Each structure stands twice: as C-alpha cells, then as structure tokens.
Amino acid sequence: MIDYCQVVNEKFEESRFWDKSIDPFPGNNRKIYTFTNRCHEQEGLELGDETVKIFLNTKGTVGEVDEDIDKFLAYVDGKAAEGEFTQDIAAEVERIK
C-alpha cells in the first residue's frame, strides 16, 4: 500500500517548494484530489470539523472541475490567463511583482 502522505512530503522536501508539474498522487492523473479528516481504522468515522484539503494537478486529465478552476490550472501551467477569475489572479500577481 502506498503512503501518499509520505510521497507528498518527500516530493516537497526534495524541492522545498511545490512543483506544479508533479502529480501529488502518481498514477491517478486527477485534476483535483479532495480529502477530509477521517479515521483510517473505523469506516465512516470522521472528525466532523469540516476541514477539507484540496490538491490541484495542472497535468491531470481525469475528473471534472469547475470551468474557472480548469482555466486557473491552465494558467498555473504557463498558459495565458483566461476567464475573469484567472485574469484577476494574474493581475494581482503582476501587481505584487
């Protein structure tokens, strides 16, 4: 069994930054991975704190995401900013530079 947390931590430690070209969960090729806090030993037992962790993969091809998220992923992957949401982010990035 693959310990995905360990894989992600190792990838992060190797690069000291999040490399947008690395699928955080190799072999799955999803655009988005969504996790909640749940107990591994007892199915159906969750913390109930409504915490959600989301990993986005710019190279992912599996799964559906909102159109704005899809355009944002393309932008992060080096393509031109399209759509109001992504253009707002791009403008803020330029402002901060």
N, C-alpha and C. Protein backbone atom coordinates (compact mmCIF):
# COMPACT_ATOMS: atom_id res chain seq x y z
N MET A 1 0.84 -1.18 0.00
CA MET A 1 0.00 0.00 0.00
C MET A 1 0.89 1.25 0.00
N ILE A 2 0.57 2.19 -0.85
CA ILE A 2 1.35 3.42 -0.96
C ILE A 2 0.89 4.40 0.11
N ASP A 3 1.84 4.97 0.84
CA ASP A 3 1.56 6.01 1.82
C ASP A 3 1.66 7.35 1.09
N TYR A 4 0.51 7.86 0.61
CA TYR A 4 0.50 9.06 -0.20
C TYR A 4 1.01 10.28 0.56
N CYS A 5 0.72 10.33 1.86
CA CYS A 5 1.23 11.47 2.65
C CYS A 5 2.75 11.47 2.63
N GLN A 6 3.35 10.31 2.75
CA GLN A 6 4.80 10.22 2.73
C GLN A 6 5.33 10.63 1.36
N VAL A 7 4.68 10.19 0.29
CA VAL A 7 5.11 10.54 -1.07
C VAL A 7 5.08 12.05 -1.25
N VAL A 8 3.98 12.69 -0.84
CA VAL A 8 3.85 14.14 -0.98
C VAL A 8 4.91 14.84 -0.15
N ASN A 9 5.10 14.41 1.09
CA ASN A 9 6.12 15.03 1.95
C ASN A 9 7.51 14.88 1.36
N GLU A 10 7.83 13.72 0.82
CA GLU A 10 9.15 13.51 0.21
C GLU A 10 9.34 14.42 -0.99
N LYS A 11 8.32 14.52 -1.85
CA LYS A 11 8.41 15.39 -3.02
C LYS A 11 8.63 16.83 -2.59
N PHE A 12 7.90 17.26 -1.54
CA PHE A 12 8.03 18.62 -1.06
C PHE A 12 9.43 18.86 -0.48
N GLU A 13 9.90 17.93 0.32
CA GLU A 13 11.21 18.08 0.94
C GLU A 13 12.32 18.09 -0.12
N GLU A 14 12.16 17.31 -1.17
CA GLU A 14 13.18 17.28 -2.24
C GLU A 14 13.30 18.63 -2.92
N SER A 15 12.19 19.29 -3.13
CA SER A 15 12.21 20.52 -3.92
C SER A 15 12.14 21.79 -3.07
N ARG A 16 11.67 21.67 -1.83
CA ARG A 16 11.48 22.80 -0.91
C ARG A 16 10.43 23.78 -1.44
N PHE A 17 9.75 23.44 -2.49
CA PHE A 17 8.61 24.20 -2.98
C PHE A 17 7.72 23.21 -3.71
N TRP A 18 6.48 23.61 -3.93
CA TRP A 18 5.55 22.70 -4.62
C TRP A 18 5.73 22.84 -6.12
N ASP A 19 6.20 21.79 -6.75
CA ASP A 19 6.41 21.78 -8.20
C ASP A 19 5.08 21.48 -8.87
N LYS A 20 4.58 22.44 -9.63
CA LYS A 20 3.25 22.29 -10.23
C LYS A 20 3.17 21.17 -11.25
N SER A 21 4.31 20.65 -11.69
CA SER A 21 4.29 19.61 -12.71
C SER A 21 4.26 18.20 -12.13
N ILE A 22 4.27 18.08 -10.80
CA ILE A 22 4.27 16.77 -10.16
C ILE A 22 2.85 16.42 -9.72
N ASP A 23 2.37 15.28 -10.18
CA ASP A 23 1.08 14.78 -9.70
C ASP A 23 1.32 14.34 -8.26
N PRO A 24 0.62 14.93 -7.28
CA PRO A 24 0.88 14.58 -5.90
C PRO A 24 0.57 13.12 -5.58
N PHE A 25 -0.20 12.46 -6.41
CA PHE A 25 -0.56 11.06 -6.21
C PHE A 25 -0.35 10.31 -7.52
N PRO A 26 0.91 10.01 -7.84
CA PRO A 26 1.27 9.44 -9.14
C PRO A 26 0.41 8.24 -9.55
N GLY A 27 0.08 8.25 -10.83
CA GLY A 27 -0.68 7.14 -11.40
C GLY A 27 -2.18 7.37 -11.44
N ASN A 28 -2.65 8.39 -10.73
CA ASN A 28 -4.09 8.65 -10.69
C ASN A 28 -4.51 9.70 -11.72
N ASN A 29 -3.63 10.65 -12.01
CA ASN A 29 -3.82 11.64 -13.08
C ASN A 29 -5.10 12.47 -12.94
N ARG A 30 -5.53 12.72 -11.71
CA ARG A 30 -6.73 13.51 -11.50
C ARG A 30 -6.42 15.00 -11.53
N LYS A 31 -7.40 15.81 -11.91
CA LYS A 31 -7.25 17.26 -11.89
C LYS A 31 -7.33 17.78 -10.47
N ILE A 32 -8.13 17.12 -9.64
CA ILE A 32 -8.35 17.56 -8.27
C ILE A 32 -8.47 16.34 -7.35
N TYR A 33 -7.88 16.48 -6.17
CA TYR A 33 -7.98 15.47 -5.12
C TYR A 33 -8.53 16.19 -3.89
N THR A 34 -9.61 15.69 -3.32
CA THR A 34 -10.24 16.32 -2.17
C THR A 34 -10.25 15.34 -1.01
N PHE A 35 -9.75 15.79 0.15
CA PHE A 35 -9.65 14.94 1.33
C PHE A 35 -10.36 15.59 2.51
N THR A 36 -10.92 14.76 3.38
CA THR A 36 -11.48 15.21 4.65
C THR A 36 -10.82 14.41 5.76
N ASN A 37 -10.96 14.87 6.99
CA ASN A 37 -10.36 14.17 8.12
C ASN A 37 -11.24 13.00 8.52
N ARG A 38 -10.70 11.80 8.30
CA ARG A 38 -11.46 10.60 8.66
C ARG A 38 -10.55 9.59 9.35
N CYS A 39 -11.16 8.73 10.10
CA CYS A 39 -10.43 7.69 10.82
C CYS A 39 -10.09 6.54 9.86
N HIS A 40 -8.84 6.13 9.85
CA HIS A 40 -8.42 5.02 8.98
C HIS A 40 -8.84 3.67 9.54
N GLU A 41 -9.00 3.59 10.84
CA GLU A 41 -9.32 2.31 11.47
C GLU A 41 -10.81 2.00 11.53
N GLN A 42 -11.65 3.01 11.45
CA GLN A 42 -13.09 2.77 11.54
C GLN A 42 -13.81 3.51 10.43
N GLU A 43 -14.32 2.75 9.48
CA GLU A 43 -15.02 3.33 8.33
C GLU A 43 -16.20 4.17 8.78
N GLY A 44 -16.33 5.34 8.17
CA GLY A 44 -17.46 6.21 8.46
C GLY A 44 -17.25 7.16 9.63
N LEU A 45 -16.14 7.01 10.36
CA LEU A 45 -15.87 7.88 11.50
C LEU A 45 -15.02 9.06 11.04
N GLU A 46 -15.60 10.26 11.12
CA GLU A 46 -14.89 11.47 10.71
C GLU A 46 -14.82 12.43 11.89
N LEU A 47 -13.87 13.36 11.85
CA LEU A 47 -13.72 14.34 12.91
C LEU A 47 -14.91 15.30 12.96
N GLY A 48 -15.51 15.56 11.83
CA GLY A 48 -16.65 16.45 11.80
C GLY A 48 -16.28 17.92 11.90
N ASP A 49 -14.99 18.23 11.69
CA ASP A 49 -14.55 19.63 11.78
C ASP A 49 -14.69 20.36 10.43
N GLU A 50 -15.18 19.67 9.44
CA GLU A 50 -15.43 20.20 8.11
C GLU A 50 -14.17 20.70 7.41
N THR A 51 -13.00 20.26 7.90
CA THR A 51 -11.74 20.60 7.25
C THR A 51 -11.63 19.83 5.94
N VAL A 52 -11.24 20.54 4.89
CA VAL A 52 -11.07 19.92 3.58
C VAL A 52 -9.70 20.33 3.04
N LYS A 53 -8.98 19.36 2.52
CA LYS A 53 -7.70 19.63 1.87
C LYS A 53 -7.85 19.31 0.40
N ILE A 54 -7.42 20.25 -0.44
CA ILE A 54 -7.56 20.08 -1.88
C ILE A 54 -6.19 20.20 -2.53
N PHE A 55 -5.88 19.23 -3.38
CA PHE A 55 -4.67 19.26 -4.19
C PHE A 55 -5.11 19.40 -5.64
N LEU A 56 -4.53 20.37 -6.34
CA LEU A 56 -4.82 20.56 -7.76
C LEU A 56 -3.63 20.09 -8.57
N ASN A 57 -3.90 19.47 -9.70
CA ASN A 57 -2.86 18.92 -10.57
C ASN A 57 -3.00 19.54 -11.96
N THR A 58 -2.03 20.38 -12.34
CA THR A 58 -2.10 21.06 -13.63
C THR A 58 -2.01 20.11 -14.82
N LYS A 59 -1.47 18.93 -14.60
CA LYS A 59 -1.32 17.95 -15.69
C LYS A 59 -2.43 16.91 -15.69
N GLY A 60 -3.34 17.00 -14.74
CA GLY A 60 -4.40 16.00 -14.63
C GLY A 60 -5.38 16.03 -15.79
N THR A 61 -5.88 14.87 -16.13
CA THR A 61 -6.87 14.75 -17.21
C THR A 61 -8.13 14.02 -16.74
N VAL A 62 -8.10 13.46 -15.54
CA VAL A 62 -9.22 12.67 -15.03
C VAL A 62 -10.06 13.53 -14.09
N GLY A 63 -11.37 13.47 -14.27
CA GLY A 63 -12.28 14.17 -13.38
C GLY A 63 -12.74 15.50 -13.93
N GLU A 64 -13.83 15.95 -13.36
CA GLU A 64 -14.43 17.22 -13.77
C GLU A 64 -14.15 18.27 -12.70
N VAL A 65 -13.85 19.47 -13.14
CA VAL A 65 -13.71 20.61 -12.24
C VAL A 65 -14.48 21.78 -12.82
N ASP A 66 -14.76 22.75 -11.98
CA ASP A 66 -15.41 23.97 -12.41
C ASP A 66 -14.61 24.61 -13.54
N GLU A 67 -15.27 25.27 -14.46
CA GLU A 67 -14.60 25.90 -15.60
C GLU A 67 -13.53 26.91 -15.15
N ASP A 68 -13.83 27.67 -14.08
CA ASP A 68 -12.84 28.63 -13.56
C ASP A 68 -11.59 27.91 -13.05
N ILE A 69 -11.77 26.78 -12.38
CA ILE A 69 -10.62 26.02 -11.88
C ILE A 69 -9.83 25.45 -13.04
N ASP A 70 -10.52 24.98 -14.07
CA ASP A 70 -9.83 24.45 -15.25
C ASP A 70 -8.96 25.53 -15.90
N LYS A 71 -9.49 26.74 -16.02
CA LYS A 71 -8.72 27.85 -16.61
C LYS A 71 -7.57 28.25 -15.70
N PHE A 72 -7.79 28.21 -14.38
CA PHE A 72 -6.73 28.51 -13.43
C PHE A 72 -5.60 27.48 -13.55
N LEU A 73 -5.94 26.20 -13.66
CA LEU A 73 -4.91 25.16 -13.81
C LEU A 73 -4.08 25.39 -15.07
N ALA A 74 -4.74 25.79 -16.16
CA ALA A 74 -4.01 26.08 -17.40
C ALA A 74 -3.07 27.27 -17.20
N TYR A 75 -3.54 28.29 -16.48
CA TYR A 75 -2.72 29.47 -16.20
C TYR A 75 -1.49 29.10 -15.37
N VAL A 76 -1.68 28.32 -14.33
CA VAL A 76 -0.57 27.89 -13.49
C VAL A 76 0.42 27.06 -14.29
N ASP A 77 -0.09 26.36 -15.29
CA ASP A 77 0.76 25.52 -16.13
C ASP A 77 1.47 26.33 -17.22
N GLY A 78 1.29 27.66 -17.21
CA GLY A 78 2.05 28.51 -18.13
C GLY A 78 1.28 29.07 -19.30
N LYS A 79 0.00 28.80 -19.37
CA LYS A 79 -0.81 29.32 -20.46
C LYS A 79 -1.36 30.71 -20.09
N ALA A 80 -1.88 31.41 -21.08
CA ALA A 80 -2.43 32.75 -20.85
C ALA A 80 -3.64 32.68 -19.91
N ALA A 81 -3.81 33.75 -19.13
CA ALA A 81 -4.94 33.83 -18.21
C ALA A 81 -6.22 34.04 -19.01
N GLU A 82 -7.18 33.15 -18.80
CA GLU A 82 -8.49 33.25 -19.44
C GLU A 82 -9.57 33.23 -18.39
N GLY A 83 -10.62 33.96 -18.61
CA GLY A 83 -11.73 34.00 -17.66
C GLY A 83 -11.48 35.03 -16.57
N GLU A 84 -12.55 35.59 -16.06
CA GLU A 84 -12.46 36.68 -15.08
C GLU A 84 -11.68 36.27 -13.83
N PHE A 85 -11.96 35.11 -13.27
CA PHE A 85 -11.29 34.64 -12.06
C PHE A 85 -9.78 34.58 -12.25
N THR A 86 -9.34 33.91 -13.31
CA THR A 86 -7.91 33.74 -13.56
C THR A 86 -7.25 35.06 -13.96
N GLN A 87 -7.94 35.89 -14.70
CA GLN A 87 -7.39 37.19 -15.07
C GLN A 87 -7.21 38.08 -13.83
N ASP A 88 -8.14 37.97 -12.88
CA ASP A 88 -7.98 38.71 -11.63
C ASP A 88 -6.74 38.25 -10.87
N ILE A 89 -6.53 36.96 -10.83
CA ILE A 89 -5.35 36.41 -10.16
C ILE A 89 -4.08 36.87 -10.88
N ALA A 90 -4.08 36.79 -12.20
CA ALA A 90 -2.91 37.20 -12.98
C ALA A 90 -2.60 38.68 -12.76
N ALA A 91 -3.63 39.50 -12.70
CA ALA A 91 -3.43 40.94 -12.47
C ALA A 91 -2.83 41.17 -11.08
N GLU A 92 -3.28 40.43 -10.10
CA GLU A 92 -2.74 40.58 -8.74
C GLU A 92 -1.29 40.11 -8.68
N VAL A 93 -0.97 39.04 -9.39
CA VAL A 93 0.40 38.56 -9.44
C VAL A 93 1.30 39.64 -10.05
N GLU A 94 0.85 40.24 -11.12
CA GLU A 94 1.62 41.31 -11.76
C GLU A 94 1.78 42.53 -10.85
N ARG A 95 0.72 42.84 -10.12
CA ARG A 95 0.76 43.98 -9.20
C ARG A 95 1.80 43.76 -8.10
N ILE A 96 1.86 42.55 -7.59
CA ILE A 96 2.77 42.22 -6.50
C ILE A 96 4.21 42.18 -6.96
N LYS A 97 4.42 41.78 -8.21
CA LYS A 97 5.79 41.72 -8.74
C LYS A 97 6.40 43.08 -8.66
